[in-house]
Amino acid sequence: MTDIIWVLSKLEWANLVDILLVAVVIYLVLQLVRGTQAVQLIRGAILVALALTIIGSIARLTAFSWLLRNAGQALLIIVAVVLQPELRRVLDRLGRAGGLTYWATTGSGVDHTARAIASACAHLSGVHHGALIVIERETGLQDYIDTGVLINSAVNSELLQTIFFPNTALHDGAVIIRGNQIIAAACLLPLSEAVAAESHLGTRHRAAIGITEASDAIAIVVSEETGIISIAHNGRMVRHLDERRLVTLMLSLLKPDQPNKTGLAVFWERIKDRFGPQTPTGQGKS
């Protein structure tokens, strides 16, 4: 106890701030990788490092301890290679949190786009035609656009219904929308591994969650089997939507921030949105 009091008496304000900053950084990193495979890999790496360090210290293996101390940089490179997808996702989220750009269309354009998409989804749901529509926001989706067929047409309900009509050339894949334009159709998207074990979620739903994990895009899914309409954002999915609720959710995500907000205010709101509580993926058949 005396030793602890002596150590605390030697601490200065600079030391406390230093410790606090390190704790905050570690906490933010853990929050950023929460729910990904990186959590298990980091935990395993820490346990292995602790075990090797303890063995080297207890057994007094001088050469082995020297090897562990000097292998730190190589281990960091190995971890970076193994966790490349997770690190890319973390950096992308940090970039989006600090970004100050807005969805590139006017308020009336957002309304028209949201209502056209919702109208098409309601019709497709009624006839059980599957659909996957992705709306690009700040993170560019050009890599995925290049995998599809360019369309470059204004968003309208009839065109979306035609694209997703069964057995047409473009119905299998995702439509990507930028602003008020349908940029491409039949695009290939990354599949989420987080929901691989949930058999009730089909390929479209996994692709919708996957693209929202890799970017800040919004994905709307119509299930071919059940006709259920779902919307995905930030790796989470809300299901069992009707046309009115779908419009409301899309407008809440797509409406530009109020012009009187400062850049710092926008940044802080996005930080809260990233680290705040999130709704888990809905349950039910796809």
Protein backbone atom coordinates (compact mmCIF):
# COMPACT_ATOMS: atom_id res chain seq x y z
CA MET A 1 0.00 0.00 0.00
CA THR A 2 2.86 2.36 0.83
CA ASP A 3 4.43 1.68 -2.55
CA ILE A 4 1.17 2.53 -4.33
CA ILE A 5 0.85 5.83 -2.44
CA TRP A 6 4.47 6.64 -3.28
CA VAL A 7 3.87 5.98 -6.99
CA LEU A 8 0.70 8.11 -7.00
CA SER A 9 2.54 10.95 -5.27
CA LYS A 10 5.06 11.04 -8.12
CA LEU A 11 2.36 11.43 -10.79
CA GLU A 12 1.94 14.84 -12.39
CA TRP A 13 -0.93 16.27 -14.41
CA ALA A 14 0.98 15.56 -17.62
CA ASN A 15 1.26 11.88 -16.66
CA LEU A 16 -2.47 11.65 -15.94
CA VAL A 17 -3.33 13.27 -19.27
CA ASP A 18 -0.91 10.92 -21.01
CA ILE A 19 -2.54 7.85 -19.43
CA LEU A 20 -6.03 9.16 -20.22
CA LEU A 21 -5.17 9.73 -23.89
CA VAL A 22 -3.77 6.22 -24.22
CA ALA A 23 -6.93 4.80 -22.62
CA VAL A 24 -9.16 6.82 -24.96
CA VAL A 25 -7.23 5.65 -28.03
CA ILE A 26 -7.46 2.00 -26.95
CA TYR A 27 -11.18 2.39 -26.26
CA LEU A 28 -11.86 3.98 -29.66
CA VAL A 29 -9.90 1.26 -31.46
CA LEU A 30 -11.87 -1.45 -29.65
CA GLN A 31 -15.13 0.30 -30.53
CA LEU A 32 -14.14 0.56 -34.19
CA VAL A 33 -13.36 -3.16 -34.49
CA ARG A 34 -16.33 -4.23 -32.36
CA GLY A 35 -18.40 -6.90 -34.08
CA THR A 36 -15.68 -7.83 -36.59
CA GLN A 37 -13.30 -10.77 -36.85
CA ALA A 38 -10.51 -8.44 -35.73
CA VAL A 39 -11.72 -8.71 -32.12
CA GLN A 40 -10.99 -12.45 -31.90
CA LEU A 41 -7.69 -12.12 -33.76
CA ILE A 42 -6.48 -9.28 -31.54
CA ARG A 43 -7.52 -11.18 -28.42
CA GLY A 44 -5.65 -14.27 -29.59
CA ALA A 45 -2.54 -12.26 -30.48
CA ILE A 46 -2.52 -10.60 -27.04
CA LEU A 47 -2.89 -13.95 -25.24
CA VAL A 48 -0.08 -15.51 -27.27
CA ALA A 49 2.20 -12.49 -26.66
CA LEU A 50 1.49 -12.55 -22.90
CA ALA A 51 2.10 -16.31 -22.69
CA LEU A 52 5.40 -16.09 -24.56
CA THR A 53 6.53 -13.11 -22.46
CA ILE A 54 5.71 -14.87 -19.19
CA ILE A 55 7.45 -18.07 -20.30
CA GLY A 56 10.52 -16.13 -21.39
CA SER A 57 10.68 -14.22 -18.11
CA ILE A 58 10.09 -17.17 -15.78
CA ALA A 59 12.41 -19.54 -17.59
CA ARG A 60 14.97 -16.75 -18.06
CA LEU A 61 15.38 -17.54 -21.72
CA THR A 62 17.60 -14.62 -22.63
CA ALA A 63 17.85 -15.24 -26.37
CA PHE A 64 14.14 -16.01 -26.69
CA SER A 65 13.18 -12.84 -24.77
CA TRP A 66 15.50 -10.80 -27.02
CA LEU A 67 13.78 -12.31 -30.08
CA LEU A 68 10.34 -11.38 -28.76
CA ARG A 69 11.39 -7.78 -28.02
CA ASN A 70 12.85 -7.28 -31.48
CA ALA A 71 10.09 -9.01 -33.40
CA GLY A 72 7.52 -6.34 -32.53
CA GLN A 73 7.76 -4.44 -35.82
CA ALA A 74 7.49 -7.62 -37.87
CA LEU A 75 4.43 -8.66 -35.85
CA LEU A 76 2.78 -5.29 -36.56
CA ILE A 77 3.26 -5.84 -40.30
CA ILE A 78 1.82 -9.35 -40.04
CA VAL A 79 -1.20 -8.09 -38.10
CA ALA A 80 -1.75 -5.32 -40.67
CA VAL A 81 -1.76 -7.89 -43.49
CA VAL A 82 -4.07 -10.32 -41.69
CA LEU A 83 -6.50 -7.59 -40.61
CA GLN A 84 -6.39 -5.65 -43.89
CA PRO A 85 -10.20 -5.69 -44.48
CA GLU A 86 -10.93 -4.58 -40.92
CA LEU A 87 -8.25 -1.85 -40.99
CA ARG A 88 -9.60 -0.58 -44.31
CA ARG A 89 -13.09 -0.43 -42.82
CA VAL A 90 -11.85 1.40 -39.71
CA LEU A 91 -9.98 4.02 -41.75
CA ASP A 92 -13.00 4.47 -44.01
CA ARG A 93 -15.26 5.07 -40.99
CA LEU A 94 -12.81 7.54 -39.51
CA GLY A 95 -12.68 9.38 -42.82
CA ARG A 96 -16.47 9.52 -42.99
CA ALA A 97 -16.67 10.83 -39.42
CA GLY A 98 -14.42 13.74 -40.32
CA GLY A 99 -15.94 14.39 -43.72
CA LEU A 100 -17.96 17.54 -44.22
CA THR A 101 -19.49 16.87 -47.63
CA TYR A 102 -23.18 16.29 -48.19
CA TRP A 103 -25.28 14.19 -50.50
CA ALA A 104 -24.94 15.82 -53.88
CA THR A 105 -28.52 16.80 -54.66
CA THR A 106 -31.10 19.28 -53.47
CA GLY A 107 -33.81 18.63 -50.91
CA SER A 108 -36.48 18.26 -53.59
CA GLY A 109 -34.18 15.88 -55.49
CA VAL A 110 -33.84 13.72 -52.38
CA ASP A 111 -37.64 13.61 -51.98
CA HIS A 112 -38.15 12.58 -55.61
CA THR A 113 -35.45 9.90 -55.47
CA ALA A 114 -36.67 8.44 -52.17
CA ARG A 115 -40.30 8.32 -53.29
CA ALA A 116 -39.42 6.79 -56.67
CA ILE A 117 -37.36 4.06 -54.99
CA ALA A 118 -40.07 3.39 -52.39
CA SER A 119 -42.77 3.21 -55.08
CA ALA A 120 -40.73 0.72 -57.10
CA CYS A 121 -39.98 -1.38 -54.02
CA ALA A 122 -43.66 -1.46 -53.04
CA HIS A 123 -44.61 -2.72 -56.50
CA LEU A 124 -41.78 -5.28 -56.57
CA SER A 125 -42.77 -6.46 -53.09
CA GLY A 126 -46.37 -7.00 -54.21
CA VAL A 127 -45.34 -9.26 -57.10
CA HIS A 128 -42.42 -10.89 -55.21
CA HIS A 129 -39.69 -9.68 -57.55
CA GLY A 130 -36.33 -9.52 -55.79
CA ALA A 131 -34.36 -6.26 -55.84
CA LEU A 132 -31.20 -4.73 -54.42
CA ILE A 133 -30.76 -0.94 -54.66
CA VAL A 134 -27.69 0.87 -53.28
CA ILE A 135 -27.57 4.63 -52.77
CA GLU A 136 -24.07 6.12 -52.81
CA ARG A 137 -23.28 8.79 -50.23
CA GLU A 138 -19.83 10.12 -49.29
CA THR A 139 -17.82 6.95 -49.87
CA GLY A 140 -17.31 6.41 -53.59
CA LEU A 141 -18.60 3.13 -55.03
CA GLN A 142 -16.84 3.33 -58.40
CA ASP A 143 -15.09 -0.03 -57.86
CA TYR A 144 -18.50 -1.71 -57.62
CA ILE A 145 -20.00 0.38 -60.42
CA ASP A 146 -17.28 -0.90 -62.75
CA THR A 147 -18.50 -4.48 -62.21
CA GLY A 148 -21.94 -3.68 -63.61
CA VAL A 149 -23.57 -2.19 -66.71
CA LEU A 150 -23.64 1.60 -67.00
CA ILE A 151 -27.09 3.16 -67.34
CA ASN A 152 -26.78 6.88 -66.38
CA SER A 153 -30.50 7.55 -66.29
CA ALA A 154 -32.73 9.60 -64.02
CA VAL A 155 -34.24 7.69 -61.11
CA ASN A 156 -37.83 6.67 -61.75
CA SER A 157 -40.04 3.89 -60.46
CA GLU A 158 -40.86 2.32 -63.82
CA LEU A 159 -37.22 1.91 -64.81
CA LEU A 160 -36.36 0.24 -61.50
CA GLN A 161 -39.30 -2.15 -61.89
CA THR A 162 -38.14 -3.02 -65.41
CA ILE A 163 -34.54 -3.65 -64.32
CA PHE A 164 -35.59 -6.11 -61.62
CA PHE A 165 -38.18 -7.93 -63.74
CA PRO A 166 -37.28 -11.65 -63.56
CA ASN A 167 -35.12 -13.12 -66.33
CA THR A 168 -34.08 -9.75 -67.72
CA ALA A 169 -30.38 -9.24 -68.39
CA LEU A 170 -29.86 -6.80 -65.50
CA HIS A 171 -32.13 -8.16 -62.77
CA ASP A 172 -29.41 -10.22 -61.05
CA GLY A 173 -27.17 -7.85 -59.12
CA ALA A 174 -27.42 -4.42 -57.54
CA VAL A 175 -28.51 -1.08 -58.92
CA ILE A 176 -26.28 1.78 -57.73
CA ILE A 177 -27.73 5.28 -57.49
CA ARG A 178 -25.67 8.44 -57.24
CA GLY A 179 -27.59 11.64 -56.51
CA ASN A 180 -30.72 11.46 -58.67
CA GLN A 181 -29.15 9.19 -61.31
CA ILE A 182 -29.18 5.43 -61.73
CA ILE A 183 -25.50 4.94 -62.54
CA ALA A 184 -25.29 1.19 -63.11
CA ALA A 185 -27.13 -2.11 -62.75
CA ALA A 186 -26.10 -5.75 -62.29
CA CYS A 187 -23.27 -4.66 -59.98
CA LEU A 188 -21.45 -7.13 -57.75
CA LEU A 189 -21.22 -6.33 -54.04
CA PRO A 190 -19.19 -7.80 -51.16
CA LEU A 191 -21.03 -10.31 -48.99
CA SER A 192 -21.11 -9.78 -45.25
CA GLU A 193 -19.48 -12.54 -43.23
CA ALA A 194 -21.11 -11.35 -40.02
CA VAL A 195 -24.49 -12.84 -41.02
CA ALA A 196 -23.19 -15.92 -42.84
CA ALA A 197 -24.56 -18.20 -40.12
CA GLU A 198 -28.07 -16.70 -40.30
CA SER A 199 -29.70 -18.98 -42.87
CA HIS A 200 -32.83 -16.83 -43.15
CA LEU A 201 -30.82 -14.06 -44.81
CA GLY A 202 -30.23 -14.66 -48.50
CA THR A 203 -27.49 -13.44 -50.81
CA ARG A 204 -29.18 -10.09 -51.47
CA HIS A 205 -29.42 -9.34 -47.76
CA ARG A 206 -25.82 -10.36 -47.13
CA ALA A 207 -24.71 -8.14 -50.03
CA ALA A 208 -26.76 -5.23 -48.68
CA ILE A 209 -25.19 -5.52 -45.24
CA GLY A 210 -21.75 -6.10 -46.79
CA ILE A 211 -21.77 -2.87 -48.84
CA THR A 212 -22.92 -0.86 -45.81
CA GLU A 213 -20.11 -2.37 -43.73
CA ALA A 214 -17.57 -1.34 -46.35
CA SER A 215 -19.01 2.15 -46.98
CA ASP A 216 -21.59 4.67 -45.77
CA ALA A 217 -24.02 3.67 -48.53
CA ILE A 218 -27.69 2.84 -47.98
CA ALA A 219 -29.01 -0.45 -49.37
CA ILE A 220 -32.65 -1.37 -49.95
CA VAL A 221 -33.62 -5.02 -50.42
CA VAL A 222 -36.84 -6.61 -51.63
CA SER A 223 -37.03 -10.32 -50.87
CA GLU A 224 -38.00 -12.48 -53.81
CA GLU A 225 -39.30 -15.22 -51.50
CA THR A 226 -41.40 -13.23 -49.04
CA GLY A 227 -41.69 -9.75 -50.57
CA ILE A 228 -40.33 -8.18 -47.36
CA ILE A 229 -38.73 -4.74 -47.83
CA SER A 230 -35.59 -4.03 -45.81
CA ILE A 231 -33.10 -1.19 -45.53
CA ALA A 232 -29.47 -1.52 -44.43
CA HIS A 233 -27.09 1.15 -43.14
CA ASN A 234 -23.79 0.94 -41.25
CA GLY A 235 -23.92 -2.86 -41.16
CA ARG A 236 -27.40 -2.97 -39.59
CA MET A 237 -30.70 -3.87 -41.22
CA VAL A 238 -34.30 -2.82 -40.52
CA ARG A 239 -36.90 -5.13 -42.02
CA HIS A 240 -40.66 -5.42 -42.60
CA LEU A 241 -41.07 -1.93 -44.05
CA ASP A 242 -43.94 -0.52 -46.06
CA GLU A 243 -43.69 2.26 -48.64
CA ARG A 244 -44.32 5.08 -46.17
CA ARG A 245 -41.80 3.87 -43.58
CA LEU A 246 -39.21 3.25 -46.30
CA VAL A 247 -39.55 6.84 -47.53
CA THR A 248 -39.25 8.15 -43.97
CA LEU A 249 -36.06 6.17 -43.28
CA MET A 250 -34.44 7.10 -46.58
CA LEU A 251 -35.18 10.81 -46.10
CA SER A 252 -33.78 10.74 -42.57
CA LEU A 253 -30.51 9.28 -43.91
CA LEU A 254 -30.26 11.27 -47.14
CA LYS A 255 -31.42 14.76 -46.16
CA PRO A 256 -28.46 17.21 -46.09
CA ASP A 257 -27.44 18.55 -42.68
CA GLN A 258 -28.85 21.92 -41.73
CA PRO A 259 -26.79 24.72 -43.32
CA ASN A 260 -26.34 26.61 -40.05
CA LYS A 261 -24.43 23.75 -38.45
CA THR A 262 -20.69 24.21 -38.16
CA GLY A 263 -18.20 21.65 -39.36
CA LEU A 264 -17.37 20.77 -35.76
CA ALA A 265 -21.05 20.14 -34.99
CA VAL A 266 -21.42 17.84 -38.00
CA PHE A 267 -18.24 15.99 -37.03
CA TRP A 268 -19.45 15.51 -33.45
CA GLU A 269 -22.88 14.24 -34.58
CA ARG A 270 -21.25 11.67 -36.84
CA ILE A 271 -18.98 10.52 -34.02
CA LYS A 272 -22.06 10.04 -31.82
CA ASP A 273 -23.83 8.20 -34.62
CA ARG A 274 -20.83 5.89 -35.09
CA PHE A 275 -20.26 5.04 -31.42
CA GLY A 276 -23.83 5.32 -30.18
CA PRO A 277 -26.18 2.37 -29.67
CA GLN A 278 -27.24 0.63 -32.85
CA THR A 279 -30.29 -1.44 -33.75
CA PRO A 280 -29.46 -5.11 -34.27
CA THR A 281 -30.22 -6.90 -37.51
CA GLY A 282 -33.89 -7.78 -37.76
CA GLN A 283 -35.06 -11.36 -37.62
CA GLY A 284 -37.36 -13.26 -39.93
CA LYS A 285 -37.40 -14.99 -43.28
CA SER A 286 -35.78 -13.32 -46.27
